[in-house]
C-alpha atoms as a PDB file:
ATOM      1  CA  MET A   1      -7.245 -39.963  12.150  1.00  0.00           C
ATOM      2  CA  LYS A   2      -8.520 -36.587  12.193  1.00  0.00           C
ATOM      3  CA  PHE A   3      -8.322 -34.779   8.506  1.00  0.00           C
ATOM      4  CA  ARG A   4      -8.685 -31.197   7.685  1.00  0.00           C
ATOM      5  CA  ILE A   5      -8.568 -29.371   4.608  1.00  0.00           C
ATOM      6  CA  GLY A   6      -7.384 -25.488   3.995  1.00  0.00           C
ATOM      7  CA  HIS A   7      -7.288 -23.350   1.070  1.00  0.00           C
ATOM      8  CA  GLY A   8      -5.148 -20.321   0.311  1.00  0.00           C
ATOM      9  CA  TYR A   9      -4.903 -17.301  -2.305  1.00  0.00           C
ATOM     10  CA  ASP A  10      -2.270 -14.746  -3.057  1.00  0.00           C
ATOM     11  CA  VAL A  11      -1.370 -12.221  -5.312  1.00  0.00           C
ATOM     12  CA  HIS A  12       1.062  -9.867  -6.277  1.00  0.00           C
ATOM     13  CA  ALA A  13       2.019  -7.458  -8.940  1.00  0.00           C
ATOM     14  CA  LEU A  14       4.486  -7.545 -11.012  1.00  0.00           C
ATOM     15  CA  GLY A  15       7.419  -5.062 -11.401  1.00  0.00           C
ATOM     16  CA  ASP A  16       9.941  -4.659 -14.068  1.00  0.00           C
ATOM     17  CA  GLY A  17      13.816  -5.471 -13.058  1.00  0.00           C
ATOM     18  CA  LEU A  18      12.739  -7.487  -9.620  1.00  0.00           C
ATOM     19  CA  ARG A  19      13.506 -10.887  -9.114  1.00  0.00           C
ATOM     20  CA  LEU A  20      10.873 -13.556 -10.172  1.00  0.00           C
ATOM     21  CA  VAL A  21      10.882 -16.688  -7.236  1.00  0.00           C
ATOM     22  CA  LEU A  22       8.220 -19.173  -7.062  1.00  0.00           C
ATOM     23  CA  GLY A  23       7.802 -22.197  -5.474  1.00  0.00           C
ATOM     24  CA  GLY A  24      11.345 -21.642  -3.604  1.00  0.00           C
ATOM     25  CA  VAL A  25      12.523 -21.632  -7.281  1.00  0.00           C
ATOM     26  CA  GLU A  26      13.892 -18.301  -8.972  1.00  0.00           C
ATOM     27  CA  ILE A  27      12.922 -18.184 -12.719  1.00  0.00           C
ATOM     28  CA  PRO A  28      14.590 -15.544 -15.164  1.00  0.00           C
ATOM     29  CA  HIS A  29      12.161 -13.208 -16.044  1.00  0.00           C
ATOM     30  CA  THR A  30      12.176  -9.270 -16.617  1.00  0.00           C
ATOM     31  CA  LYS A  31       9.643  -8.769 -14.092  1.00  0.00           C
ATOM     32  CA  GLY A  32       9.119  -9.803 -10.479  1.00  0.00           C
ATOM     33  CA  CYS A  33       6.840  -9.763  -7.601  1.00  0.00           C
ATOM     34  CA  ILE A  34       6.139  -6.639  -5.598  1.00  0.00           C
ATOM     35  CA  ALA A  35       6.071  -7.578  -2.225  1.00  0.00           C
ATOM     36  CA  HIS A  36       7.680  -7.073   1.402  1.00  0.00           C
ATOM     37  CA  SER A  37       9.078 -10.227   1.471  1.00  0.00           C
ATOM     38  CA  ASP A  38      10.581 -12.246  -1.576  1.00  0.00           C
ATOM     39  CA  GLY A  39       7.210 -12.381  -2.886  1.00  0.00           C
ATOM     40  CA  ASP A  40       6.531 -15.909  -3.668  1.00  0.00           C
ATOM     41  CA  VAL A  41       2.583 -16.068  -4.227  1.00  0.00           C
ATOM     42  CA  LEU A  42       2.748 -19.833  -4.468  1.00  0.00           C
ATOM     43  CA  LEU A  43       4.657 -20.272  -1.184  1.00  0.00           C
ATOM     44  CA  HIS A  44       2.512 -17.725   0.371  1.00  0.00           C
ATOM     45  CA  ALA A  45      -0.663 -19.363  -0.811  1.00  0.00           C
ATOM     46  CA  LEU A  46       0.433 -22.453   0.606  1.00  0.00           C
ATOM     47  CA  CYS A  47       1.315 -21.051   4.121  1.00  0.00           C
ATOM     48  CA  ASP A  48      -2.128 -19.754   4.067  1.00  0.00           C
ATOM     49  CA  ALA A  49      -4.121 -23.140   3.364  1.00  0.00           C
ATOM     50  CA  LEU A  50      -1.824 -24.815   5.768  1.00  0.00           C
ATOM     51  CA  LEU A  51      -2.926 -22.216   8.639  1.00  0.00           C
ATOM     52  CA  GLY A  52      -6.187 -22.421   7.256  1.00  0.00           C
ATOM     53  CA  ALA A  53      -6.763 -26.380   7.602  1.00  0.00           C
ATOM     54  CA  ALA A  54      -5.337 -25.885  10.940  1.00  0.00           C
ATOM     55  CA  ALA A  55      -7.567 -22.942  11.899  1.00  0.00           C
ATOM     56  CA  LEU A  56      -4.397 -20.865  12.702  1.00  0.00           C
ATOM     57  CA  GLY A  57      -5.331 -17.530  11.072  1.00  0.00           C
ATOM     58  CA  ASP A  58      -3.478 -16.597   8.013  1.00  0.00           C
ATOM     59  CA  ILE A  59       0.067 -15.213   7.074  1.00  0.00           C
ATOM     60  CA  GLY A  60      -0.695 -11.961   7.611  1.00  0.00           C
ATOM     61  CA  LYS A  61      -1.342 -12.812  11.437  1.00  0.00           C
ATOM     62  CA  HIS A  62       1.979 -14.725  11.879  1.00  0.00           C
ATOM     63  CA  PHE A  63       4.241 -13.018   9.547  1.00  0.00           C
ATOM     64  CA  PRO A  64       3.090  -9.183   9.307  1.00  0.00           C
ATOM     65  CA  ASP A  65       4.384  -6.993   6.129  1.00  0.00           C
ATOM     66  CA  SER A  66       4.874  -4.488   8.772  1.00  0.00           C
ATOM     67  CA  SER A  67       7.753  -5.979  10.611  1.00  0.00           C
ATOM     68  CA  ALA A  68      11.288  -5.406   9.226  1.00  0.00           C
ATOM     69  CA  GLU A  69      11.990  -8.850  10.594  1.00  0.00           C
ATOM     70  CA  PHE A  70      10.342 -10.215   7.357  1.00  0.00           C
ATOM     71  CA  LYS A  71      11.513  -7.633   4.563  1.00  0.00           C
ATOM     72  CA  GLY A  72      12.922  -9.335   2.067  1.00  0.00           C
ATOM     73  CA  ILE A  73      12.759 -12.923   3.801  1.00  0.00           C
ATOM     74  CA  ASP A  74      12.808 -16.074   1.837  1.00  0.00           C
ATOM     75  CA  SER A  75       9.411 -17.296   1.617  1.00  0.00           C
ATOM     76  CA  THR A  76      10.929 -21.027   2.109  1.00  0.00           C
ATOM     77  CA  LYS A  77      11.632 -20.011   5.775  1.00  0.00           C
ATOM     78  CA  LEU A  78       8.271 -18.787   6.143  1.00  0.00           C
ATOM     79  CA  LEU A  79       6.867 -22.342   4.839  1.00  0.00           C
ATOM     80  CA  LYS A  80       9.286 -23.937   7.078  1.00  0.00           C
ATOM     81  CA  ARG A  81       8.113 -22.634  10.476  1.00  0.00           C
ATOM     82  CA  VAL A  82       4.279 -22.751   9.285  1.00  0.00           C
ATOM     83  CA  VAL A  83       5.209 -26.692   9.249  1.00  0.00           C
ATOM     84  CA  GLU A  84       6.788 -26.589  12.712  1.00  0.00           C
ATOM     85  CA  LEU A  85       3.557 -24.819  14.021  1.00  0.00           C
ATOM     86  CA  LEU A  86       1.397 -27.329  12.440  1.00  0.00           C
ATOM     87  CA  LEU A  87       4.000 -30.086  14.086  1.00  0.00           C
ATOM     88  CA  SER A  88       3.420 -28.316  17.586  1.00  0.00           C
ATOM     89  CA  GLU A  89      -0.381 -28.480  17.199  1.00  0.00           C
ATOM     90  CA  GLY A  90       0.066 -32.282  16.329  1.00  0.00           C
ATOM     91  CA  TYR A  91      -0.804 -32.012  12.755  1.00  0.00           C
ATOM     92  CA  ARG A  92       1.231 -33.730   9.832  1.00  0.00           C
ATOM     93  CA  VAL A  93       0.755 -32.541   5.954  1.00  0.00           C
ATOM     94  CA  GLY A  94      -0.613 -35.193   3.881  1.00  0.00           C
ATOM     95  CA  ASN A  95      -0.697 -33.696   0.751  1.00  0.00           C
ATOM     96  CA  VAL A  96      -0.853 -30.268  -0.991  1.00  0.00           C
ATOM     97  CA  ASP A  97      -1.988 -29.100  -4.564  1.00  0.00           C
ATOM     98  CA  MET A  98      -1.328 -25.808  -6.132  1.00  0.00           C
ATOM     99  CA  THR A  99      -1.924 -23.962  -9.136  1.00  0.00           C
ATOM    100  CA  ILE A 100      -0.279 -20.639 -10.763  1.00  0.00           C
ATOM    101  CA  ALA A 101      -1.752 -17.871 -12.765  1.00  0.00           C
ATOM    102  CA  MET A 102       0.837 -16.092 -14.685  1.00  0.00           C
ATOM    103  CA  GLN A 103       0.765 -15.400 -18.587  1.00  0.00           C
ATOM    104  CA  ARG A 104       4.621 -15.216 -18.869  1.00  0.00           C
ATOM    105  CA  PRO A 105       7.020 -17.071 -18.424  1.00  0.00           C
ATOM    106  CA  LYS A 106       6.544 -20.773 -19.404  1.00  0.00           C
ATOM    107  CA  LEU A 107       6.670 -22.167 -15.872  1.00  0.00           C
ATOM    108  CA  ARG A 108       6.931 -25.800 -17.005  1.00  0.00           C
ATOM    109  CA  PRO A 109      10.417 -26.085 -16.967  1.00  0.00           C
ATOM    110  CA  TYR A 110      10.469 -25.375 -13.285  1.00  0.00           C
ATOM    111  CA  ILE A 111       7.915 -27.079 -11.773  1.00  0.00           C
ATOM    112  CA  ASP A 112       9.909 -30.361 -10.886  1.00  0.00           C
ATOM    113  CA  SER A 113      12.224 -28.420  -8.948  1.00  0.00           C
ATOM    114  CA  MET A 114       9.318 -26.097  -7.434  1.00  0.00           C
ATOM    115  CA  ARG A 115       7.854 -29.518  -6.076  1.00  0.00           C
ATOM    116  CA  GLU A 116      11.289 -30.663  -4.703  1.00  0.00           C
ATOM    117  CA  CYS A 117      11.841 -27.512  -3.458  1.00  0.00           C
ATOM    118  CA  ILE A 118       8.061 -27.537  -1.354  1.00  0.00           C
ATOM    119  CA  ALA A 119       8.706 -30.990  -0.618  1.00  0.00           C
ATOM    120  CA  SER A 120      11.670 -30.526   1.149  1.00  0.00           C
ATOM    121  CA  CYS A 121      10.791 -27.984   2.960  1.00  0.00           C
ATOM    122  CA  ILE A 122       6.969 -29.702   4.474  1.00  0.00           C
ATOM    123  CA  GLY A 123       9.007 -32.762   5.059  1.00  0.00           C
ATOM    124  CA  ILE A 124       7.197 -34.974   2.307  1.00  0.00           C
ATOM    125  CA  ASP A 125       7.389 -37.184  -0.573  1.00  0.00           C
ATOM    126  CA  VAL A 126       7.804 -35.093  -3.618  1.00  0.00           C
ATOM    127  CA  ASP A 127       4.907 -37.280  -5.016  1.00  0.00           C
ATOM    128  CA  SER A 128       2.656 -35.604  -2.455  1.00  0.00           C
ATOM    129  CA  VAL A 129       3.329 -32.261  -3.778  1.00  0.00           C
ATOM    130  CA  SER A 130       1.457 -30.736  -7.294  1.00  0.00           C
ATOM    131  CA  VAL A 131       2.211 -27.944  -8.602  1.00  0.00           C
ATOM    132  CA  LYS A 132       0.416 -26.615 -11.835  1.00  0.00           C
ATOM    133  CA  ALA A 133       0.684 -23.784 -13.929  1.00  0.00           C
ATOM    134  CA  THR A 134      -1.518 -22.165 -16.330  1.00  0.00           C
ATOM    135  CA  THR A 135      -2.120 -18.701 -18.159  1.00  0.00           C
ATOM    136  CA  THR A 136      -5.214 -16.990 -18.478  1.00  0.00           C
ATOM    137  CA  GLU A 137      -5.514 -16.367 -22.362  1.00  0.00           C
ATOM    138  CA  HIS A 138      -4.186 -12.577 -22.147  1.00  0.00           C
ATOM    139  CA  LEU A 139      -7.356 -12.147 -19.746  1.00  0.00           C
ATOM    140  CA  GLY A 140      -7.211 -10.664 -16.268  1.00  0.00           C
ATOM    141  CA  PHE A 141      -4.322  -8.641 -14.452  1.00  0.00           C
ATOM    142  CA  GLU A 142      -2.494 -12.092 -15.113  1.00  0.00           C
ATOM    143  CA  GLY A 143      -3.140 -12.361 -18.875  1.00  0.00           C
ATOM    144  CA  GLU A 144      -2.000  -8.814 -18.955  1.00  0.00           C
ATOM    145  CA  GLU A 145       1.091  -9.332 -17.259  1.00  0.00           C
ATOM    146  CA  LYS A 146       0.394  -7.122 -14.412  1.00  0.00           C
ATOM    147  CA  GLY A 147       0.651  -9.522 -11.581  1.00  0.00           C
ATOM    148  CA  VAL A 148       0.545 -13.149 -10.837  1.00  0.00           C
ATOM    149  CA  SER A 149      -1.818 -15.143  -8.552  1.00  0.00           C
ATOM    150  CA  ALA A 150      -1.773 -18.510  -6.974  1.00  0.00           C
ATOM    151  CA  THR A 151      -4.103 -21.049  -5.234  1.00  0.00           C
ATOM    152  CA  ALA A 152      -3.070 -23.567  -2.582  1.00  0.00           C
ATOM    153  CA  VAL A 153      -4.946 -26.657  -1.369  1.00  0.00           C
ATOM    154  CA  ALA A 154      -3.617 -28.410   1.811  1.00  0.00           C
ATOM    155  CA  LEU A 155      -4.749 -31.759   3.629  1.00  0.00           C
ATOM    156  CA  ILE A 156      -3.321 -32.014   7.013  1.00  0.00           C
ATOM    157  CA  TYR A 157      -4.008 -34.763   9.453  1.00  0.00           C
ATOM    158  CA  LYS A 158      -3.708 -35.887  13.386  1.00  0.00           C
ATOM    159  CA  GLU A 159      -3.125 -39.510  14.025  1.00  0.00           C
END
């Protein structure tokens, strides 16, 4: 088998009164991501990790924020398209590991739902999907509640 890994990172500013969607799950909060799409930083980082592992560019190449087609789009649709692209190149996803950095709200109650959503989008077992959340102890833009960031690592392979 041929194994490859990829890394992804995304960040969005937070704005009052917007929807907060992370890992395909809407989370009740007073702030949400300012973005062209639904602003799901976790899925955007994951898309970049998967695309990077296959050396297929980044999310902006495939889904430009200048395109009306992607205005307000549900990022699970983007993730599914990335997986279809990988499959067309002969790759399968082995596992993924992601971290969200955000001061508030506490994300632990939503982690399992995120894992299930991501596993369903990718077509892998939920035990191959890791989602973690951390605060930054009130440091940086995440700690000051000005934004949210996410990192992702993905293993893909060809048999």
